[in-house]
Amino acid sequence: MLNSDHVEPLYIQLKKAIQSAINNEEFKQGEQIPTEIELSSRYNVSRITVRKAVEELVQEGYLVKKQGKGTFVSQSKIGRKIEHLIGFTAACQANGLSSHSEVTYREMIEPDSKMQTLLRLARGEKVIYIQRKRYAEENPLMLENNYYPESRFSFLMEEELEGSLYELLREKYGIDPNQPGETTLELALADEVKAKLLEVSIGEPLFYMKTVIYDQSGQPVHIGHQYMIGQRYQFTL
């Protein structure tokens, strides 16, 4: 039980108690923690004390709030080196996690001038835009937006694309996406559309990565605009 006569404020004691429950796997990664009322009753403190402790644990990354669902224990971060080319599936495998994908949008579109240059498109050539929601285990982690030259990748309009696209390109089509071009990484906030797709709150911090990927012959494979949930990703340089 918490001690109201202790030098530490009650909310700090409660924070430590919840952290201990997480470390001991009483509260497991990805699972919902008890409600404010339940925590208040369990530890014999006010809901104001519970709210303050939980808010600080959210800020520190131990917990995550999901709009309309409750508060959950944060899941482990996916480790990835930014300067190396590694696909999402391979990054999950390296971290001991299963992965799968859901195609949320697929269309042939007109490219802008920047796409024409980066993808080395012929005059009048279109671009295949494919958006996929990428899952680590059963949790959405990344919103992938890739743009491919129509002339080389028209077959992608028919493929299921639930697994690793890079493995598909290598094994079925002999295209090895092994050369990253210029890559930038910045912070973005989830708008209404991205928040709904990634199942996070509006305003959730996201990593926004822009890159161009080339194959073994130096030909452009795709432009990528990827949004990753910040609390679940960790990049090393």
Protein backbone atom coordinates (compact mmCIF):
# COMPACT_ATOMS: atom_id res chain seq x y z
CA MET A 1 0.00 0.00 0.00
CA LEU A 2 1.03 3.61 -0.48
CA ASN A 3 2.07 5.69 2.52
CA SER A 4 0.51 9.16 2.87
CA ASP A 5 3.08 10.03 5.57
CA HIS A 6 6.03 9.28 3.30
CA VAL A 7 8.25 12.12 2.08
CA GLU A 8 7.44 11.20 -1.54
CA PRO A 9 4.11 12.50 -2.89
CA LEU A 10 1.44 9.84 -3.36
CA TYR A 11 1.41 10.18 -7.14
CA ILE A 12 5.18 9.43 -7.27
CA GLN A 13 4.63 6.36 -5.13
CA LEU A 14 1.81 5.31 -7.42
CA LYS A 15 4.00 5.84 -10.49
CA LYS A 16 6.61 3.52 -9.01
CA ALA A 17 3.97 0.95 -8.14
CA ILE A 18 2.65 0.93 -11.71
CA GLN A 19 6.19 0.77 -13.13
CA SER A 20 6.87 -2.19 -10.85
CA ALA A 21 3.70 -3.89 -12.08
CA ILE A 22 4.89 -3.36 -15.67
CA ASN A 23 8.40 -4.68 -14.94
CA ASN A 24 6.95 -7.73 -13.18
CA GLU A 25 4.57 -8.26 -16.14
CA GLU A 26 1.52 -7.93 -13.93
CA PHE A 27 0.62 -5.29 -16.53
CA LYS A 28 1.87 -6.80 -19.81
CA GLN A 29 3.04 -4.98 -22.94
CA GLY A 30 0.15 -3.98 -25.15
CA GLU A 31 -2.48 -4.75 -22.53
CA GLN A 32 -4.92 -2.29 -21.01
CA ILE A 33 -4.23 -1.25 -17.42
CA PRO A 34 -7.03 -0.92 -14.83
CA THR A 35 -9.27 2.13 -15.05
CA GLU A 36 -8.84 5.24 -12.88
CA ILE A 37 -11.60 4.00 -10.57
CA GLU A 38 -9.99 0.56 -10.25
CA LEU A 39 -6.53 2.01 -9.58
CA SER A 40 -7.97 4.45 -7.07
CA SER A 41 -9.62 1.59 -5.19
CA ARG A 42 -6.62 -0.75 -5.43
CA TYR A 43 -4.12 1.78 -4.06
CA ASN A 44 -6.55 3.76 -1.83
CA VAL A 45 -5.80 7.14 -3.44
CA SER A 46 -7.90 9.79 -5.14
CA ARG A 47 -8.64 9.75 -8.87
CA ILE A 48 -6.73 13.04 -9.15
CA THR A 49 -3.62 11.25 -7.83
CA VAL A 50 -4.18 8.38 -10.29
CA ARG A 51 -4.67 10.78 -13.19
CA LYS A 52 -1.43 12.66 -12.44
CA ALA A 53 0.60 9.44 -12.11
CA VAL A 54 -0.83 8.02 -15.34
CA GLU A 55 -0.29 11.26 -17.28
CA GLU A 56 3.39 11.34 -16.29
CA LEU A 57 3.83 7.67 -17.22
CA VAL A 58 2.30 8.45 -20.62
CA GLN A 59 4.72 11.37 -21.07
CA GLU A 60 7.63 9.14 -20.11
CA GLY A 61 6.61 6.44 -22.57
CA TYR A 62 5.57 3.68 -20.14
CA LEU A 63 1.89 3.97 -21.04
CA VAL A 64 -0.05 5.04 -24.11
CA LYS A 65 -3.61 6.35 -24.29
CA LYS A 66 -5.87 5.17 -27.11
CA GLN A 67 -8.82 7.42 -27.78
CA GLY A 68 -12.08 5.79 -26.81
CA LYS A 69 -10.35 2.59 -25.65
CA GLY A 70 -8.37 3.34 -22.49
CA THR A 71 -4.74 3.32 -21.33
CA PHE A 72 -2.34 0.59 -22.35
CA VAL A 73 1.19 -0.52 -21.50
CA SER A 74 3.57 0.65 -24.22
CA GLN A 75 5.06 -2.00 -26.44
CA SER A 76 8.76 -2.43 -27.08
CA LYS A 77 10.30 -0.23 -29.76
CA ILE A 78 11.37 -1.51 -33.16
CA GLY A 79 15.11 -0.88 -33.53
CA ARG A 80 16.37 0.20 -36.93
CA LYS A 81 19.46 1.89 -38.37
CA ILE A 82 18.50 4.87 -40.47
CA GLU A 83 21.55 4.77 -42.74
CA HIS A 84 21.05 1.13 -43.81
CA LEU A 85 18.43 -0.22 -46.18
CA ILE A 86 16.16 -2.57 -44.29
CA GLY A 87 12.53 -3.25 -45.00
CA PHE A 88 9.78 -3.25 -42.42
CA THR A 89 9.46 -7.04 -42.40
CA ALA A 90 13.20 -7.49 -41.88
CA ALA A 91 13.19 -4.87 -39.08
CA CYS A 92 10.41 -6.76 -37.30
CA GLN A 93 12.20 -10.09 -37.74
CA ALA A 94 15.39 -8.58 -36.30
CA ASN A 95 13.39 -7.57 -33.23
CA GLY A 96 11.69 -10.96 -32.82
CA LEU A 97 8.27 -9.83 -34.04
CA SER A 98 5.92 -11.17 -36.69
CA SER A 99 4.54 -8.77 -39.28
CA HIS A 100 1.89 -8.46 -41.96
CA SER A 101 0.40 -5.77 -44.17
CA GLU A 102 -2.98 -4.49 -45.30
CA VAL A 103 -3.33 -2.60 -48.60
CA THR A 104 -5.45 0.47 -47.86
CA TYR A 105 -5.09 2.28 -51.19
CA ARG A 106 -3.84 1.36 -54.68
CA GLU A 107 -4.20 3.52 -57.76
CA MET A 108 -2.46 4.69 -60.93
CA ILE A 109 -1.84 8.44 -60.60
CA GLU A 110 -0.32 11.32 -62.53
CA PRO A 111 3.16 12.18 -61.18
CA ASP A 112 4.29 15.65 -60.23
CA SER A 113 7.54 17.07 -61.63
CA LYS A 114 9.60 15.91 -58.65
CA MET A 115 8.38 12.32 -59.03
CA GLN A 116 9.14 12.44 -62.75
CA THR A 117 12.73 13.40 -61.98
CA LEU A 118 13.35 11.03 -59.04
CA LEU A 119 11.76 8.01 -60.74
CA ARG A 120 13.22 8.87 -64.19
CA LEU A 121 9.84 8.56 -65.84
CA ALA A 122 9.26 8.64 -69.58
CA ARG A 123 7.01 11.36 -70.99
CA GLY A 124 3.39 10.55 -70.15
CA GLU A 125 4.31 7.68 -67.83
CA LYS A 126 2.14 7.30 -64.75
CA VAL A 127 2.98 6.25 -61.18
CA ILE A 128 1.56 3.39 -59.14
CA TYR A 129 0.67 4.66 -55.67
CA ILE A 130 0.27 1.96 -53.02
CA GLN A 131 -0.54 2.67 -49.39
CA ARG A 132 -0.21 -0.16 -46.88
CA LYS A 133 -0.84 -0.36 -43.16
CA ARG A 134 2.03 -2.33 -41.65
CA TYR A 135 1.53 -4.39 -38.50
CA ALA A 136 4.02 -5.64 -35.90
CA GLU A 137 2.30 -8.63 -34.30
CA GLU A 138 -1.36 -7.46 -34.31
CA ASN A 139 -0.70 -3.75 -33.84
CA PRO A 140 -0.53 -1.09 -36.57
CA LEU A 141 2.93 0.49 -36.55
CA MET A 142 3.54 2.18 -39.89
CA LEU A 143 1.60 3.79 -42.72
CA GLU A 144 3.59 3.13 -45.89
CA ASN A 145 3.10 5.32 -48.99
CA ASN A 146 5.15 4.12 -51.97
CA TYR A 147 5.27 5.40 -55.55
CA TYR A 148 6.52 3.10 -58.36
CA PRO A 149 7.23 3.71 -62.07
CA GLU A 150 4.33 2.25 -64.08
CA SER A 151 6.50 0.84 -66.88
CA ARG A 152 8.45 -1.54 -64.60
CA PHE A 153 5.99 -2.24 -61.80
CA SER A 154 2.53 -2.55 -63.35
CA PHE A 155 2.37 -6.10 -61.92
CA LEU A 156 2.00 -4.59 -58.43
CA MET A 157 -1.58 -3.67 -59.29
CA GLU A 158 -2.42 -7.39 -59.13
CA GLU A 159 -0.22 -8.71 -56.29
CA GLU A 160 -1.72 -9.23 -52.81
CA LEU A 161 1.16 -7.45 -50.99
CA GLU A 162 0.32 -8.79 -47.53
CA GLY A 163 3.90 -9.83 -46.82
CA SER A 164 7.34 -8.40 -47.62
CA LEU A 165 7.25 -6.49 -50.90
CA TYR A 166 11.06 -6.50 -51.11
CA GLU A 167 11.12 -10.29 -50.84
CA LEU A 168 8.47 -10.49 -53.57
CA LEU A 169 10.53 -8.28 -55.88
CA ARG A 170 13.70 -10.28 -55.27
CA GLU A 171 12.29 -13.79 -55.46
CA LYS A 172 9.64 -13.43 -58.18
CA TYR A 173 10.86 -10.58 -60.37
CA GLY A 174 14.64 -10.48 -59.90
CA ILE A 175 14.60 -6.88 -58.69
CA ASP A 176 16.78 -6.27 -55.63
CA PRO A 177 15.95 -2.98 -53.82
CA ASN A 178 19.37 -2.73 -52.18
CA GLN A 179 20.47 0.88 -52.66
CA PRO A 180 18.95 3.68 -50.60
CA GLY A 181 19.13 7.20 -51.96
CA GLU A 182 18.81 10.36 -49.90
CA THR A 183 16.73 9.73 -46.78
CA THR A 184 15.26 12.35 -44.47
CA LEU A 185 13.56 11.87 -41.12
CA GLU A 186 11.38 14.43 -39.37
CA LEU A 187 8.61 14.68 -36.81
CA ALA A 188 4.96 14.86 -37.80
CA LEU A 189 1.68 14.76 -35.92
CA ALA A 190 -1.14 12.39 -36.79
CA ASP A 191 -4.06 14.10 -38.49
CA GLU A 192 -7.56 12.66 -38.45
CA VAL A 193 -6.94 10.27 -41.37
CA LYS A 194 -3.58 8.94 -40.15
CA ALA A 195 -4.82 8.67 -36.57
CA LYS A 196 -7.75 6.51 -37.70
CA LEU A 197 -5.55 4.24 -39.85
CA LEU A 198 -2.85 3.82 -37.20
CA GLU A 199 -5.39 3.60 -34.36
CA VAL A 200 -3.81 6.42 -32.34
CA SER A 201 -5.03 9.77 -31.06
CA ILE A 202 -5.08 12.85 -33.30
CA GLY A 203 -1.83 14.73 -32.64
CA GLU A 204 0.13 11.54 -31.84
CA PRO A 205 3.88 12.09 -32.65
CA LEU A 206 4.97 10.20 -35.76
CA PHE A 207 8.30 9.72 -37.48
CA TYR A 208 8.00 10.84 -41.11
CA MET A 209 10.62 9.27 -43.38
CA LYS A 210 11.10 10.23 -47.03
CA THR A 211 13.42 8.15 -49.19
CA VAL A 212 14.18 6.90 -52.70
CA ILE A 213 15.15 3.24 -53.20
CA TYR A 214 17.18 1.91 -56.15
CA ASP A 215 17.79 -1.63 -57.40
CA GLN A 216 21.01 -3.56 -58.15
CA SER A 217 21.34 -1.74 -61.49
CA GLY A 218 20.89 1.71 -59.98
CA GLN A 219 17.36 2.08 -61.36
CA PRO A 220 14.75 3.71 -59.10
CA VAL A 221 12.34 1.26 -57.48
CA HIS A 222 10.13 3.61 -55.49
CA ILE A 223 9.77 6.84 -53.61
CA GLY A 224 8.69 6.22 -50.02
CA HIS A 225 6.79 8.50 -47.65
CA GLN A 226 6.40 6.52 -44.42
CA TYR A 227 4.71 7.45 -41.14
CA MET A 228 5.75 5.46 -38.05
CA ILE A 229 4.31 5.66 -34.54
CA GLY A 230 7.01 7.49 -32.57
CA GLN A 231 6.52 5.57 -29.33
CA ARG A 232 7.15 2.26 -31.11
CA TYR A 233 10.24 3.14 -33.18
CA GLN A 234 13.85 3.83 -32.28
CA PHE A 235 16.43 4.86 -34.88
CA THR A 236 20.20 4.66 -34.47
CA LEU A 237 22.72 6.59 -36.55
